[in-house]
Amino acid sequence: MPNGRRAAATGKRERKRSMKKSVLIWKTVDLESRPIAHLVQVANAFDSEIYLETEGKRVNAKSIMGMMSLSMISGTEVTIDANGDDEEAAVAGIEKFLTDK
């Protein structure tokens, strides 16, 4: 096998690990349709893939329908999982939204 083909066949792409952080939702109002829509807008401001995990469910934070399926009330623990060039900013932005009173 020529060197170029062998390198391509055995070469591994380095995969960047995602950033995860667990936070406790701390809002004065429960996250129903209007606040969820705002959270989806916050998520869509970032290029990274962003998922929220709670109670065994994992949903795309940029999907209004997925986010509506989560039970997100004050006191609920959620894990923010972001993967991409702006993942740190994405996690910080989602955390700020979920914990601001």
Protein backbone atom coordinates (compact mmCIF):
# COMPACT_ATOMS: atom_id res chain seq x y z
CA MET A 1 0.00 0.00 0.00
CA PRO A 2 1.50 3.39 -0.91
CA ASN A 3 2.48 5.56 2.05
CA GLY A 4 -0.22 8.15 1.35
CA ARG A 5 -3.03 5.60 1.28
CA ARG A 6 -1.72 3.81 4.36
CA ALA A 7 -1.54 7.06 6.31
CA ALA A 8 -5.09 7.91 5.28
CA ALA A 9 -6.31 4.44 6.20
CA THR A 10 -4.64 4.45 9.62
CA GLY A 11 -4.88 8.16 10.39
CA LYS A 12 -7.16 9.07 13.26
CA ARG A 13 -9.02 12.32 13.51
CA GLU A 14 -8.57 13.96 16.84
CA ARG A 15 -12.01 14.51 18.37
CA LYS A 16 -12.45 17.37 20.76
CA ARG A 17 -14.13 16.44 24.01
CA SER A 18 -17.26 18.29 24.96
CA MET A 19 -17.59 20.52 27.99
CA LYS A 20 -20.13 19.43 30.61
CA LYS A 21 -21.36 21.21 33.69
CA SER A 22 -24.16 20.39 36.12
CA VAL A 23 -26.16 23.32 37.44
CA LEU A 24 -29.18 23.78 39.68
CA ILE A 25 -31.98 25.77 38.05
CA TRP A 26 -32.66 28.82 40.16
CA LYS A 27 -35.38 30.98 38.65
CA THR A 28 -38.23 32.86 40.29
CA VAL A 29 -40.59 31.49 37.62
CA ASP A 30 -40.79 27.94 36.30
CA LEU A 31 -39.51 27.36 32.80
CA GLU A 32 -42.67 27.12 30.75
CA SER A 33 -43.26 28.14 27.12
CA ARG A 34 -42.06 31.77 27.11
CA PRO A 35 -38.90 31.25 29.22
CA ILE A 36 -38.13 28.04 27.29
CA ALA A 37 -38.37 29.96 24.01
CA HIS A 38 -35.94 32.52 25.41
CA LEU A 39 -33.56 29.73 26.49
CA VAL A 40 -33.66 28.28 22.95
CA GLN A 41 -32.78 31.74 21.60
CA VAL A 42 -29.82 31.91 23.99
CA ALA A 43 -28.65 28.46 22.82
CA ASN A 44 -29.00 29.42 19.17
CA ALA A 45 -26.67 32.38 19.70
CA PHE A 46 -23.78 29.89 19.88
CA ASP A 47 -22.24 27.75 17.14
CA SER A 48 -21.59 24.80 19.45
CA GLU A 49 -23.89 21.82 19.74
CA ILE A 50 -25.65 22.20 23.10
CA TYR A 51 -27.63 19.54 24.94
CA LEU A 52 -29.38 19.61 28.30
CA GLU A 53 -29.72 16.44 30.34
CA THR A 54 -32.08 15.90 33.25
CA GLU A 55 -34.02 12.99 34.72
CA GLY A 56 -32.63 10.56 32.13
CA LYS A 57 -33.56 12.73 29.14
CA ARG A 58 -31.09 14.42 26.79
CA VAL A 59 -32.38 17.06 24.38
CA ASN A 60 -30.95 19.57 21.93
CA ALA A 61 -31.08 22.98 23.64
CA LYS A 62 -31.70 24.58 20.23
CA SER A 63 -34.94 22.63 19.73
CA ILE A 64 -38.08 24.25 21.14
CA MET A 65 -40.00 20.96 20.99
CA GLY A 66 -37.23 19.04 22.72
CA MET A 67 -36.86 21.67 25.42
CA MET A 68 -40.61 21.72 26.05
CA SER A 69 -40.43 17.99 26.81
CA LEU A 70 -38.16 18.57 29.82
CA SER A 71 -39.50 19.21 33.30
CA MET A 72 -37.46 22.24 34.27
CA ILE A 73 -38.57 23.90 37.48
CA SER A 74 -36.56 25.80 40.04
CA GLY A 75 -34.49 23.34 42.07
CA THR A 76 -34.03 20.85 39.20
CA GLU A 77 -30.46 19.78 38.42
CA VAL A 78 -29.52 19.79 34.74
CA THR A 79 -26.29 19.01 32.93
CA ILE A 80 -25.26 21.34 30.14
CA ASP A 81 -23.22 19.56 27.45
CA ALA A 82 -21.66 21.73 24.74
CA ASN A 83 -19.28 20.77 21.95
CA GLY A 84 -17.71 23.27 19.55
CA ASP A 85 -15.44 26.25 19.19
CA ASP A 86 -17.46 28.41 21.61
CA GLU A 87 -18.43 25.64 24.06
CA GLU A 88 -17.13 27.45 27.16
CA ALA A 89 -19.12 30.58 26.33
CA ALA A 90 -22.16 28.43 25.49
CA VAL A 91 -22.07 26.63 28.84
CA ALA A 92 -21.59 29.95 30.66
CA GLY A 93 -24.48 31.57 28.76
CA ILE A 94 -26.90 28.71 29.44
CA GLU A 95 -25.81 28.53 33.08
CA LYS A 96 -26.38 32.27 33.50
CA PHE A 97 -29.88 31.99 32.04
CA LEU A 98 -30.79 29.03 34.26
CA THR A 99 -29.45 30.53 37.47
CA ASP A 100 -30.39 34.23 37.20
CA LYS A 101 -33.33 35.17 39.38
